[in-house]
Amino acid sequence: MIDLPALQARLSRVISPARYRHSLAVMELARELAAAYGAEPEEAAVAGLLHDVAREIEPGRLLALAEEWGLPLTEVDRKVPILLHGAVGAEILRREWNLENHRILTAVAQHITGGPAMSLLSQVVFIADYAEPGRRFPAARTARRLAREDRVKALKFIIHRGFKYVLNRDFLIHPLTVEAWNQLAAEGDLKPG
């Protein structure tokens, strides 16, 4: 049994109040979606709560930690190290918080980039991070609606919107996100919903 209140208290001491509010909102939506999709709600709550544990670490430090710990790195990771906050966060949780649940750690690692063969728990956290109620931009509202109607449509919509965002700004696209999209697209219609 995981002591969620203790994790909440610890997290509140290591991230900013705004990031903590976001994390609580992701936790609640992840719990709700897990129950609806048939994932384990307690695991979803923990992964949702802790997903951004490394988000406020300076990008150069994220890269240094990833290198020190031997995490797999792509050229995109090296050029945009903020994308490492999921993978580094999962490793911090394993090394420093003694969290050993592989499903939770993988969901934390994949919440920003996605990845191939995402578990149901990883999908829940990926959706909840984008769609939590504190995010008030129109696409987040659409994602919230889709998340309650159709998990796959919600995933496709979020990844599609992410691609549009980065392409419109000439940013790099992480190869794990491409792999996540390709897996979803191979399962059916490419229309994002």
N, C-alpha and C. Protein backbone atom coordinates (compact mmCIF):
# COMPACT_ATOMS: atom_id res chain seq x y z
N MET A 1 0.85 -1.19 0.00
CA MET A 1 0.00 0.00 0.00
C MET A 1 0.89 1.25 0.00
N ILE A 2 0.60 2.15 -0.90
CA ILE A 2 1.37 3.37 -1.02
C ILE A 2 0.73 4.45 -0.15
N ASP A 3 1.54 5.17 0.58
CA ASP A 3 1.06 6.24 1.46
C ASP A 3 0.96 7.54 0.65
N LEU A 4 -0.20 7.73 0.01
CA LEU A 4 -0.39 8.89 -0.86
C LEU A 4 -0.26 10.22 -0.11
N PRO A 5 -0.84 10.38 1.09
CA PRO A 5 -0.65 11.65 1.80
C PRO A 5 0.81 11.98 2.09
N ALA A 6 1.61 10.97 2.40
CA ALA A 6 3.04 11.21 2.64
C ALA A 6 3.73 11.66 1.35
N LEU A 7 3.36 11.04 0.22
CA LEU A 7 3.92 11.46 -1.06
C LEU A 7 3.51 12.89 -1.40
N GLN A 8 2.26 13.23 -1.12
CA GLN A 8 1.79 14.60 -1.37
C GLN A 8 2.59 15.59 -0.54
N ALA A 9 2.78 15.29 0.72
CA ALA A 9 3.52 16.20 1.61
C ALA A 9 4.95 16.37 1.11
N ARG A 10 5.59 15.27 0.74
CA ARG A 10 6.97 15.35 0.27
C ARG A 10 7.05 16.14 -1.04
N LEU A 11 6.15 15.87 -1.96
CA LEU A 11 6.16 16.57 -3.24
C LEU A 11 5.95 18.07 -3.05
N SER A 12 5.07 18.43 -2.13
CA SER A 12 4.79 19.86 -1.91
C SER A 12 6.03 20.63 -1.45
N ARG A 13 7.03 19.91 -0.94
CA ARG A 13 8.26 20.56 -0.48
C ARG A 13 9.32 20.68 -1.58
N VAL A 14 9.13 19.98 -2.71
CA VAL A 14 10.19 19.97 -3.72
C VAL A 14 9.80 20.64 -5.05
N ILE A 15 8.53 21.02 -5.19
CA ILE A 15 8.12 21.74 -6.41
C ILE A 15 7.36 22.99 -6.00
N SER A 16 7.20 23.89 -6.95
CA SER A 16 6.52 25.16 -6.67
C SER A 16 5.04 24.93 -6.38
N PRO A 17 4.39 25.89 -5.70
CA PRO A 17 2.95 25.74 -5.44
C PRO A 17 2.12 25.58 -6.71
N ALA A 18 2.45 26.29 -7.77
CA ALA A 18 1.68 26.16 -9.02
C ALA A 18 1.84 24.76 -9.60
N ARG A 19 3.05 24.25 -9.61
CA ARG A 19 3.30 22.90 -10.14
C ARG A 19 2.62 21.87 -9.25
N TYR A 20 2.59 22.11 -7.94
CA TYR A 20 1.93 21.19 -7.02
C TYR A 20 0.42 21.16 -7.29
N ARG A 21 -0.18 22.32 -7.51
CA ARG A 21 -1.62 22.36 -7.83
C ARG A 21 -1.90 21.57 -9.11
N HIS A 22 -1.04 21.75 -10.11
CA HIS A 22 -1.18 20.99 -11.36
C HIS A 22 -1.07 19.49 -11.07
N SER A 23 -0.12 19.11 -10.26
CA SER A 23 0.08 17.70 -9.95
C SER A 23 -1.12 17.10 -9.23
N LEU A 24 -1.72 17.85 -8.32
CA LEU A 24 -2.93 17.37 -7.65
C LEU A 24 -4.08 17.19 -8.64
N ALA A 25 -4.20 18.12 -9.58
CA ALA A 25 -5.26 18.02 -10.58
C ALA A 25 -5.04 16.83 -11.51
N VAL A 26 -3.79 16.60 -11.89
CA VAL A 26 -3.48 15.43 -12.72
C VAL A 26 -3.77 14.16 -11.93
N MET A 27 -3.43 14.13 -10.65
CA MET A 27 -3.71 12.98 -9.81
C MET A 27 -5.20 12.65 -9.82
N GLU A 28 -6.03 13.66 -9.62
CA GLU A 28 -7.47 13.42 -9.55
C GLU A 28 -8.04 12.96 -10.89
N LEU A 29 -7.64 13.61 -11.99
CA LEU A 29 -8.14 13.19 -13.29
C LEU A 29 -7.61 11.80 -13.64
N ALA A 30 -6.37 11.51 -13.34
CA ALA A 30 -5.81 10.19 -13.61
C ALA A 30 -6.58 9.11 -12.85
N ARG A 31 -6.92 9.39 -11.62
CA ARG A 31 -7.69 8.43 -10.82
C ARG A 31 -9.06 8.18 -11.47
N GLU A 32 -9.71 9.27 -11.89
CA GLU A 32 -11.03 9.15 -12.53
C GLU A 32 -10.93 8.35 -13.83
N LEU A 33 -9.95 8.68 -14.67
CA LEU A 33 -9.82 8.01 -15.96
C LEU A 33 -9.43 6.54 -15.77
N ALA A 34 -8.58 6.26 -14.81
CA ALA A 34 -8.19 4.87 -14.55
C ALA A 34 -9.41 4.03 -14.20
N ALA A 35 -10.27 4.58 -13.36
CA ALA A 35 -11.48 3.85 -12.99
C ALA A 35 -12.37 3.61 -14.21
N ALA A 36 -12.46 4.60 -15.08
CA ALA A 36 -13.28 4.47 -16.28
C ALA A 36 -12.69 3.50 -17.29
N TYR A 37 -11.37 3.47 -17.40
CA TYR A 37 -10.70 2.66 -18.42
C TYR A 37 -10.33 1.25 -17.95
N GLY A 38 -10.43 1.01 -16.66
CA GLY A 38 -10.07 -0.30 -16.14
C GLY A 38 -8.62 -0.43 -15.70
N ALA A 39 -7.96 0.69 -15.47
CA ALA A 39 -6.61 0.68 -14.89
C ALA A 39 -6.73 0.75 -13.37
N GLU A 40 -5.63 0.61 -12.68
CA GLU A 40 -5.62 0.63 -11.22
C GLU A 40 -5.64 2.08 -10.74
N PRO A 41 -6.73 2.54 -10.11
CA PRO A 41 -6.85 3.95 -9.72
C PRO A 41 -5.76 4.44 -8.76
N GLU A 42 -5.33 3.59 -7.81
CA GLU A 42 -4.30 4.04 -6.87
C GLU A 42 -2.97 4.27 -7.60
N GLU A 43 -2.61 3.37 -8.49
CA GLU A 43 -1.39 3.57 -9.27
C GLU A 43 -1.48 4.83 -10.12
N ALA A 44 -2.65 5.05 -10.72
CA ALA A 44 -2.85 6.25 -11.54
C ALA A 44 -2.72 7.51 -10.70
N ALA A 45 -3.28 7.48 -9.50
CA ALA A 45 -3.19 8.64 -8.61
C ALA A 45 -1.74 8.94 -8.26
N VAL A 46 -0.98 7.92 -7.93
CA VAL A 46 0.43 8.12 -7.56
C VAL A 46 1.23 8.63 -8.76
N ALA A 47 1.07 7.99 -9.92
CA ALA A 47 1.80 8.43 -11.11
C ALA A 47 1.39 9.84 -11.51
N GLY A 48 0.10 10.14 -11.42
CA GLY A 48 -0.37 11.48 -11.74
C GLY A 48 0.20 12.52 -10.80
N LEU A 49 0.22 12.20 -9.53
CA LEU A 49 0.78 13.12 -8.53
C LEU A 49 2.25 13.40 -8.79
N LEU A 50 3.01 12.35 -9.07
CA LEU A 50 4.47 12.46 -9.10
C LEU A 50 5.05 12.72 -10.49
N HIS A 51 4.21 12.82 -11.50
CA HIS A 51 4.71 12.87 -12.89
C HIS A 51 5.69 14.01 -13.14
N ASP A 52 5.53 15.14 -12.46
CA ASP A 52 6.38 16.32 -12.70
C ASP A 52 7.41 16.55 -11.59
N VAL A 53 7.79 15.51 -10.89
CA VAL A 53 8.74 15.66 -9.78
C VAL A 53 10.04 16.32 -10.24
N ALA A 54 10.43 16.12 -11.51
CA ALA A 54 11.68 16.69 -12.01
C ALA A 54 11.46 17.86 -12.97
N ARG A 55 10.24 18.33 -13.11
CA ARG A 55 9.93 19.35 -14.12
C ARG A 55 10.64 20.68 -13.87
N GLU A 56 10.93 21.00 -12.64
CA GLU A 56 11.55 22.29 -12.33
C GLU A 56 13.07 22.21 -12.18
N ILE A 57 13.62 21.06 -12.50
CA ILE A 57 15.08 20.94 -12.53
C ILE A 57 15.57 21.61 -13.81
N GLU A 58 16.64 22.40 -13.68
CA GLU A 58 17.21 23.12 -14.83
C GLU A 58 17.58 22.13 -15.94
N PRO A 59 17.28 22.46 -17.22
CA PRO A 59 17.51 21.52 -18.31
C PRO A 59 18.92 20.95 -18.39
N GLY A 60 19.94 21.77 -18.17
CA GLY A 60 21.31 21.25 -18.19
C GLY A 60 21.54 20.21 -17.12
N ARG A 61 20.92 20.40 -15.97
CA ARG A 61 21.04 19.42 -14.88
C ARG A 61 20.30 18.14 -15.23
N LEU A 62 19.14 18.25 -15.90
CA LEU A 62 18.41 17.05 -16.35
C LEU A 62 19.30 16.21 -17.26
N LEU A 63 19.95 16.87 -18.20
CA LEU A 63 20.83 16.15 -19.12
C LEU A 63 22.00 15.52 -18.37
N ALA A 64 22.59 16.26 -17.45
CA ALA A 64 23.71 15.72 -16.69
C ALA A 64 23.29 14.50 -15.87
N LEU A 65 22.12 14.56 -15.24
CA LEU A 65 21.63 13.41 -14.47
C LEU A 65 21.37 12.21 -15.38
N ALA A 66 20.74 12.47 -16.53
CA ALA A 66 20.46 11.38 -17.46
C ALA A 66 21.74 10.71 -17.91
N GLU A 67 22.76 11.51 -18.19
CA GLU A 67 24.06 10.94 -18.60
C GLU A 67 24.70 10.17 -17.45
N GLU A 68 24.69 10.77 -16.26
CA GLU A 68 25.28 10.12 -15.08
C GLU A 68 24.63 8.78 -14.79
N TRP A 69 23.31 8.70 -14.96
CA TRP A 69 22.57 7.49 -14.63
C TRP A 69 22.47 6.53 -15.81
N GLY A 70 23.04 6.88 -16.94
CA GLY A 70 23.04 5.98 -18.09
C GLY A 70 21.68 5.81 -18.74
N LEU A 71 20.83 6.83 -18.65
CA LEU A 71 19.52 6.74 -19.30
C LEU A 71 19.70 6.84 -20.81
N PRO A 72 18.86 6.15 -21.57
CA PRO A 72 18.96 6.25 -23.03
C PRO A 72 18.69 7.69 -23.48
N LEU A 73 19.54 8.20 -24.35
CA LEU A 73 19.41 9.58 -24.82
C LEU A 73 19.35 9.61 -26.34
N THR A 74 18.47 10.45 -26.84
CA THR A 74 18.40 10.70 -28.28
C THR A 74 19.04 12.06 -28.55
N GLU A 75 19.23 12.36 -29.81
CA GLU A 75 19.74 13.67 -30.19
C GLU A 75 18.75 14.76 -29.76
N VAL A 76 17.46 14.45 -29.84
CA VAL A 76 16.44 15.41 -29.40
C VAL A 76 16.58 15.69 -27.91
N ASP A 77 16.80 14.66 -27.12
CA ASP A 77 17.00 14.85 -25.67
C ASP A 77 18.17 15.78 -25.40
N ARG A 78 19.24 15.61 -26.14
CA ARG A 78 20.43 16.44 -25.94
C ARG A 78 20.17 17.90 -26.32
N LYS A 79 19.35 18.11 -27.32
CA LYS A 79 19.06 19.47 -27.79
C LYS A 79 17.92 20.13 -27.02
N VAL A 80 17.01 19.32 -26.49
CA VAL A 80 15.85 19.82 -25.74
C VAL A 80 15.74 19.02 -24.44
N PRO A 81 16.67 19.24 -23.51
CA PRO A 81 16.72 18.37 -22.32
C PRO A 81 15.53 18.49 -21.39
N ILE A 82 14.70 19.51 -21.53
CA ILE A 82 13.50 19.57 -20.68
C ILE A 82 12.61 18.34 -20.93
N LEU A 83 12.71 17.75 -22.13
CA LEU A 83 11.93 16.55 -22.43
C LEU A 83 12.38 15.35 -21.60
N LEU A 84 13.51 15.47 -20.93
CA LEU A 84 14.00 14.40 -20.07
C LEU A 84 13.36 14.41 -18.68
N HIS A 85 12.52 15.40 -18.38
CA HIS A 85 12.03 15.47 -17.00
C HIS A 85 11.18 14.27 -16.61
N GLY A 86 10.56 13.59 -17.58
CA GLY A 86 9.81 12.38 -17.25
C GLY A 86 10.74 11.23 -16.89
N ALA A 87 11.71 10.98 -17.75
CA ALA A 87 12.64 9.86 -17.51
C ALA A 87 13.50 10.12 -16.27
N VAL A 88 14.00 11.34 -16.13
CA VAL A 88 14.81 11.66 -14.95
C VAL A 88 13.93 11.61 -13.70
N GLY A 89 12.71 12.10 -13.80
CA GLY A 89 11.80 12.05 -12.66
C GLY A 89 11.55 10.62 -12.20
N ALA A 90 11.34 9.71 -13.16
CA ALA A 90 11.14 8.31 -12.79
C ALA A 90 12.37 7.75 -12.08
N GLU A 91 13.54 8.13 -12.54
CA GLU A 91 14.77 7.63 -11.92
C GLU A 91 14.97 8.24 -10.52
N ILE A 92 14.61 9.51 -10.36
CA ILE A 92 14.65 10.13 -9.02
C ILE A 92 13.71 9.40 -8.07
N LEU A 93 12.52 9.10 -8.56
CA LEU A 93 11.56 8.38 -7.71
C LEU A 93 12.09 7.01 -7.32
N ARG A 94 12.75 6.34 -8.23
CA ARG A 94 13.32 5.02 -7.93
C ARG A 94 14.50 5.13 -6.98
N ARG A 95 15.41 6.05 -7.26
CA ARG A 95 16.66 6.15 -6.50
C ARG A 95 16.49 6.84 -5.15
N GLU A 96 15.73 7.93 -5.12
CA GLU A 96 15.67 8.78 -3.93
C GLU A 96 14.38 8.63 -3.13
N TRP A 97 13.30 8.23 -3.78
CA TRP A 97 12.03 8.09 -3.09
C TRP A 97 11.71 6.62 -2.80
N ASN A 98 12.56 5.71 -3.27
CA ASN A 98 12.39 4.27 -3.06
C ASN A 98 11.07 3.73 -3.61
N LEU A 99 10.63 4.32 -4.71
CA LEU A 99 9.41 3.84 -5.38
C LEU A 99 9.84 2.75 -6.36
N GLU A 100 9.28 1.57 -6.21
CA GLU A 100 9.72 0.43 -7.01
C GLU A 100 8.67 -0.08 -7.98
N ASN A 101 7.50 0.50 -8.00
CA ASN A 101 6.44 0.03 -8.89
C ASN A 101 6.79 0.40 -10.33
N HIS A 102 7.13 -0.61 -11.12
CA HIS A 102 7.58 -0.38 -12.49
C HIS A 102 6.50 0.31 -13.34
N ARG A 103 5.25 -0.05 -13.14
CA ARG A 103 4.17 0.56 -13.93
C ARG A 103 4.08 2.06 -13.66
N ILE A 104 4.19 2.45 -12.40
CA ILE A 104 4.15 3.87 -12.05
C ILE A 104 5.37 4.59 -12.61
N LEU A 105 6.54 4.00 -12.44
CA LEU A 105 7.77 4.63 -12.94
C LEU A 105 7.72 4.81 -14.45
N THR A 106 7.22 3.83 -15.16
CA THR A 106 7.12 3.94 -16.62
C THR A 106 6.12 5.02 -17.01
N ALA A 107 5.01 5.10 -16.31
CA ALA A 107 4.02 6.14 -16.62
C ALA A 107 4.61 7.53 -16.40
N VAL A 108 5.38 7.71 -15.33
CA VAL A 108 6.06 8.99 -15.09
C VAL A 108 7.04 9.27 -16.22
N ALA A 109 7.83 8.26 -16.59
CA ALA A 109 8.84 8.44 -17.63
C ALA A 109 8.20 8.82 -18.97
N GLN A 110 7.03 8.26 -19.28
CA GLN A 110 6.42 8.46 -20.59
C GLN A 110 5.43 9.62 -20.66
N HIS A 111 5.20 10.32 -19.57
CA HIS A 111 4.10 11.29 -19.57
C HIS A 111 4.32 12.46 -20.52
N ILE A 112 5.54 12.77 -20.88
CA ILE A 112 5.79 13.94 -21.73
C ILE A 112 5.99 13.55 -23.20
N THR A 113 6.65 12.45 -23.44
CA THR A 113 6.95 12.06 -24.83
C THR A 113 6.03 10.97 -25.35
N GLY A 114 5.38 10.24 -24.45
CA GLY A 114 4.70 9.04 -24.89
C GLY A 114 5.73 7.98 -25.21
N GLY A 115 5.31 6.98 -25.97
CA GLY A 115 6.23 5.94 -26.36
C GLY A 115 5.48 4.79 -27.01
N PRO A 116 6.23 3.86 -27.61
CA PRO A 116 5.58 2.71 -28.22
C PRO A 116 5.04 1.77 -27.15
N ALA A 117 3.96 1.11 -27.46
CA ALA A 117 3.37 0.12 -26.55
C ALA A 117 3.14 0.70 -25.15
N MET A 118 2.57 1.88 -25.09
CA MET A 118 2.26 2.48 -23.78
C MET A 118 1.24 1.62 -23.05
N SER A 119 1.48 1.39 -21.78
CA SER A 119 0.51 0.67 -20.96
C SER A 119 -0.73 1.54 -20.76
N LEU A 120 -1.78 0.91 -20.30
CA LEU A 120 -3.00 1.67 -20.01
C LEU A 120 -2.71 2.74 -18.96
N LEU A 121 -1.90 2.42 -17.95
CA LEU A 121 -1.56 3.41 -16.93
C LEU A 121 -0.79 4.58 -17.55
N SER A 122 0.17 4.30 -18.42
CA SER A 122 0.91 5.38 -19.07
C SER A 122 -0.01 6.25 -19.90
N GLN A 123 -0.96 5.63 -20.59
CA GLN A 123 -1.92 6.40 -21.37
C GLN A 123 -2.77 7.31 -20.49
N VAL A 124 -3.20 6.78 -19.35
CA VAL A 124 -4.01 7.56 -18.41
C VAL A 124 -3.25 8.82 -17.97
N VAL A 125 -2.00 8.67 -17.56
CA VAL A 125 -1.23 9.80 -17.06
C VAL A 125 -0.93 10.79 -18.19
N PHE A 126 -0.62 10.28 -19.37
CA PHE A 126 -0.36 11.12 -20.54
C PHE A 126 -1.58 12.01 -20.82
N ILE A 127 -2.76 11.41 -20.81
CA ILE A 127 -3.99 12.16 -21.06
C ILE A 127 -4.26 13.14 -19.92
N ALA A 128 -4.16 12.67 -18.69
CA ALA A 128 -4.49 13.51 -17.53
C ALA A 128 -3.58 14.73 -17.44
N ASP A 129 -2.31 14.57 -17.78
CA ASP A 129 -1.39 15.70 -17.74
C ASP A 129 -1.83 16.80 -18.71
N TYR A 130 -2.25 16.42 -19.87
CA TYR A 130 -2.66 17.40 -20.89
C TYR A 130 -4.04 17.99 -20.58
N ALA A 131 -4.92 17.15 -20.08
CA ALA A 131 -6.34 17.50 -20.00
C ALA A 131 -6.82 17.95 -18.63
N GLU A 132 -5.94 18.01 -17.63
CA GLU A 132 -6.43 18.35 -16.28
C GLU A 132 -7.16 19.69 -16.29
N PRO A 133 -8.16 19.84 -15.41
CA PRO A 133 -9.04 21.01 -15.45
C PRO A 133 -8.38 22.37 -15.29
N GLY A 134 -7.19 22.42 -14.71
CA GLY A 134 -6.50 23.70 -14.59
C GLY A 134 -5.98 24.21 -15.93
N ARG A 135 -5.90 23.35 -16.90
CA ARG A 135 -5.48 23.76 -18.24
C ARG A 135 -6.73 24.26 -18.96
N ARG A 136 -6.74 25.56 -19.25
CA ARG A 136 -7.96 26.18 -19.74
C ARG A 136 -7.96 26.49 -21.23
N PHE A 137 -6.87 26.14 -21.94
CA PHE A 137 -6.85 26.42 -23.37
C PHE A 137 -7.84 25.49 -24.08
N PRO A 138 -8.37 25.91 -25.23
CA PRO A 138 -9.44 25.14 -25.88
C PRO A 138 -9.10 23.67 -26.15
N ALA A 139 -7.87 23.38 -26.56
CA ALA A 139 -7.52 21.98 -26.85
C ALA A 139 -7.58 21.12 -25.59
N ALA A 140 -7.26 21.68 -24.44
CA ALA A 140 -7.35 20.91 -23.20
C ALA A 140 -8.80 20.59 -22.88
N ARG A 141 -9.69 21.54 -23.12
CA ARG A 141 -11.11 21.28 -22.90
C ARG A 141 -11.60 20.16 -23.82
N THR A 142 -11.17 20.21 -25.08
CA THR A 142 -11.54 19.15 -26.02
C THR A 142 -10.97 17.81 -25.56
N ALA A 143 -9.74 17.81 -25.12
CA ALA A 143 -9.11 16.58 -24.65
C ALA A 143 -9.86 16.02 -23.43
N ARG A 144 -10.31 16.89 -22.53
CA ARG A 144 -11.08 16.41 -21.36
C ARG A 144 -12.36 15.73 -21.81
N ARG A 145 -13.04 16.34 -22.77
CA ARG A 145 -14.28 15.75 -23.28
C ARG A 145 -13.99 14.40 -23.93
N LEU A 146 -12.99 14.37 -24.80
CA LEU A 146 -12.65 13.12 -25.49
C LEU A 146 -12.21 12.05 -24.50
N ALA A 147 -11.48 12.43 -23.46
CA ALA A 147 -10.99 11.45 -22.48
C ALA A 147 -12.14 10.73 -21.81
N ARG A 148 -13.25 11.40 -21.67
CA ARG A 148 -14.41 10.78 -21.02
C ARG A 148 -15.26 9.99 -22.01
N GLU A 149 -14.99 10.16 -23.30
CA GLU A 149 -15.75 9.46 -24.34
C GLU A 149 -14.99 8.29 -24.94
N ASP A 150 -13.69 8.50 -25.25
CA ASP A 150 -12.93 7.49 -26.00
C ASP A 150 -11.44 7.71 -25.76
N ARG A 151 -10.82 6.80 -25.05
CA ARG A 151 -9.42 6.92 -24.69
C ARG A 151 -8.50 7.07 -25.90
N VAL A 152 -8.70 6.25 -26.92
CA VAL A 152 -7.83 6.29 -28.09
C VAL A 152 -7.99 7.61 -28.84
N LYS A 153 -9.21 8.08 -28.99
CA LYS A 153 -9.42 9.37 -29.64
C LYS A 153 -8.74 10.49 -28.85
N ALA A 154 -8.81 10.40 -27.54
CA ALA A 154 -8.14 11.41 -26.70
C ALA A 154 -6.63 11.38 -26.92
N LEU A 155 -6.05 10.19 -26.92
CA LEU A 155 -4.60 10.06 -27.15
C LEU A 155 -4.21 10.63 -28.51
N LYS A 156 -4.94 10.25 -29.54
CA LYS A 156 -4.64 10.74 -30.89
C LYS A 156 -4.77 12.26 -30.95
N PHE A 157 -5.80 12.79 -30.34
CA PHE A 157 -6.00 14.23 -30.35
C PHE A 157 -4.82 14.94 -29.68
N ILE A 158 -4.41 14.46 -28.53
CA ILE A 158 -3.33 15.11 -27.78
C ILE A 158 -2.02 15.04 -28.55
N ILE A 159 -1.70 13.88 -29.10
CA ILE A 159 -0.46 13.77 -29.86
C ILE A 159 -0.52 14.63 -31.11
N HIS A 160 -1.64 14.61 -31.79
CA HIS A 160 -1.82 15.43 -33.00
C HIS A 160 -1.64 16.91 -32.66
N ARG A 161 -2.24 17.36 -31.58
CA ARG A 161 -2.09 18.77 -31.17
C ARG A 161 -0.64 19.08 -30.82
N GLY A 162 0.02 18.14 -30.18
CA GLY A 162 1.43 18.33 -29.86
C GLY A 162 2.28 18.49 -31.12
N PHE A 163 2.00 17.65 -32.11
CA PHE A 163 2.73 17.77 -33.38
C PHE A 163 2.49 19.13 -34.01
N LYS A 164 1.23 19.56 -34.05
CA LYS A 164 0.93 20.87 -34.64
C LYS A 164 1.68 21.98 -33.91
N TYR A 165 1.69 21.90 -32.59
CA TYR A 165 2.36 22.92 -31.78
C TYR A 165 3.84 22.99 -32.12
N VAL A 166 4.53 21.85 -32.12
CA VAL A 166 5.97 21.88 -32.35
C VAL A 166 6.30 22.20 -33.81
N LEU A 167 5.50 21.72 -34.74
CA LEU A 167 5.76 22.02 -36.14
C LEU A 167 5.56 23.51 -36.45
N ASN A 168 4.55 24.11 -35.85
CA ASN A 168 4.30 25.53 -36.07
C ASN A 168 5.40 26.41 -35.50
N ARG A 169 6.20 25.87 -34.60
CA ARG A 169 7.28 26.63 -33.97
C ARG A 169 8.66 26.14 -34.41
N ASP A 170 8.68 25.22 -35.37
CA ASP A 170 9.94 24.64 -35.84
C ASP A 170 10.74 23.99 -34.73
N PHE A 171 10.03 23.37 -33.76
CA PHE A 171 10.68 22.63 -32.69
C PHE A 171 10.95 21.20 -33.16
N LEU A 172 11.77 20.50 -32.41
CA LEU A 172 12.06 19.10 -32.70
C LEU A 172 10.92 18.21 -32.17
N ILE A 173 10.69 17.12 -32.85
CA ILE A 173 9.70 16.13 -32.41
C ILE A 173 10.46 14.94 -31.84
N HIS A 174 10.10 14.55 -30.64
CA HIS A 174 10.79 13.43 -30.00
C HIS A 174 10.43 12.13 -30.71
N PRO A 175 11.42 11.27 -30.97
CA PRO A 175 11.13 10.01 -31.67
C PRO A 175 10.17 9.10 -30.91
N LEU A 176 10.14 9.18 -29.59
CA LEU A 176 9.18 8.36 -28.84
C LEU A 176 7.74 8.80 -29.10
N THR A 177 7.54 10.09 -29.33
CA THR A 177 6.20 10.59 -29.64
C THR A 177 5.79 10.11 -31.03
N VAL A 178 6.72 10.12 -31.95
CA VAL A 178 6.44 9.59 -33.29
C VAL A 178 6.06 8.11 -33.19
N GLU A 179 6.80 7.35 -32.38
CA GLU A 179 6.48 5.93 -32.22
C GLU A 179 5.11 5.73 -31.59
N ALA A 180 4.76 6.57 -30.61
CA ALA A 180 3.43 6.47 -30.00
C ALA A 180 2.35 6.73 -31.03
N TRP A 181 2.55 7.78 -31.84
CA TRP A 181 1.57 8.11 -32.88
C TRP A 181 1.44 6.96 -33.88
N ASN A 182 2.58 6.45 -34.34
CA ASN A 182 2.55 5.38 -35.34
C ASN A 182 1.83 4.15 -34.82
N GLN A 183 2.03 3.84 -33.56
CA GLN A 183 1.31 2.68 -33.01
C GLN A 183 -0.19 2.93 -32.99
N LEU A 184 -0.60 4.11 -32.54
CA LEU A 184 -2.03 4.42 -32.52
C LEU A 184 -2.61 4.47 -33.93
N ALA A 185 -1.87 5.06 -34.86
CA ALA A 185 -2.35 5.17 -36.24
C ALA A 185 -2.48 3.79 -36.88
N ALA A 186 -1.59 2.88 -36.55
CA ALA A 186 -1.64 1.54 -37.11
C ALA A 186 -2.88 0.78 -36.62
N GLU A 187 -3.42 1.23 -35.48
CA GLU A 187 -4.59 0.56 -34.92
C GLU A 187 -5.90 1.07 -35.50
N GLY A 188 -5.83 2.10 -36.40
CA GLY A 188 -7.08 2.59 -36.98
C GLY A 188 -6.92 3.91 -37.67
N ASP A 189 -7.99 4.63 -37.73
CA ASP A 189 -8.10 5.89 -38.44
C ASP A 189 -7.12 6.93 -37.91
N LEU A 190 -6.48 7.64 -38.84
CA LEU A 190 -5.51 8.68 -38.44
C LEU A 190 -6.17 9.95 -37.93
N LYS A 191 -7.45 10.12 -38.16
CA LYS A 191 -8.10 11.36 -37.71
C LYS A 191 -8.05 11.46 -36.20
N PRO A 192 -7.57 12.63 -35.66
CA PRO A 192 -7.37 12.73 -34.22
C PRO A 192 -8.62 12.95 -33.40
N GLY A 193 -9.77 12.95 -34.00
CA GLY A 193 -11.00 13.09 -33.21
C GLY A 193 -11.58 14.45 -33.24
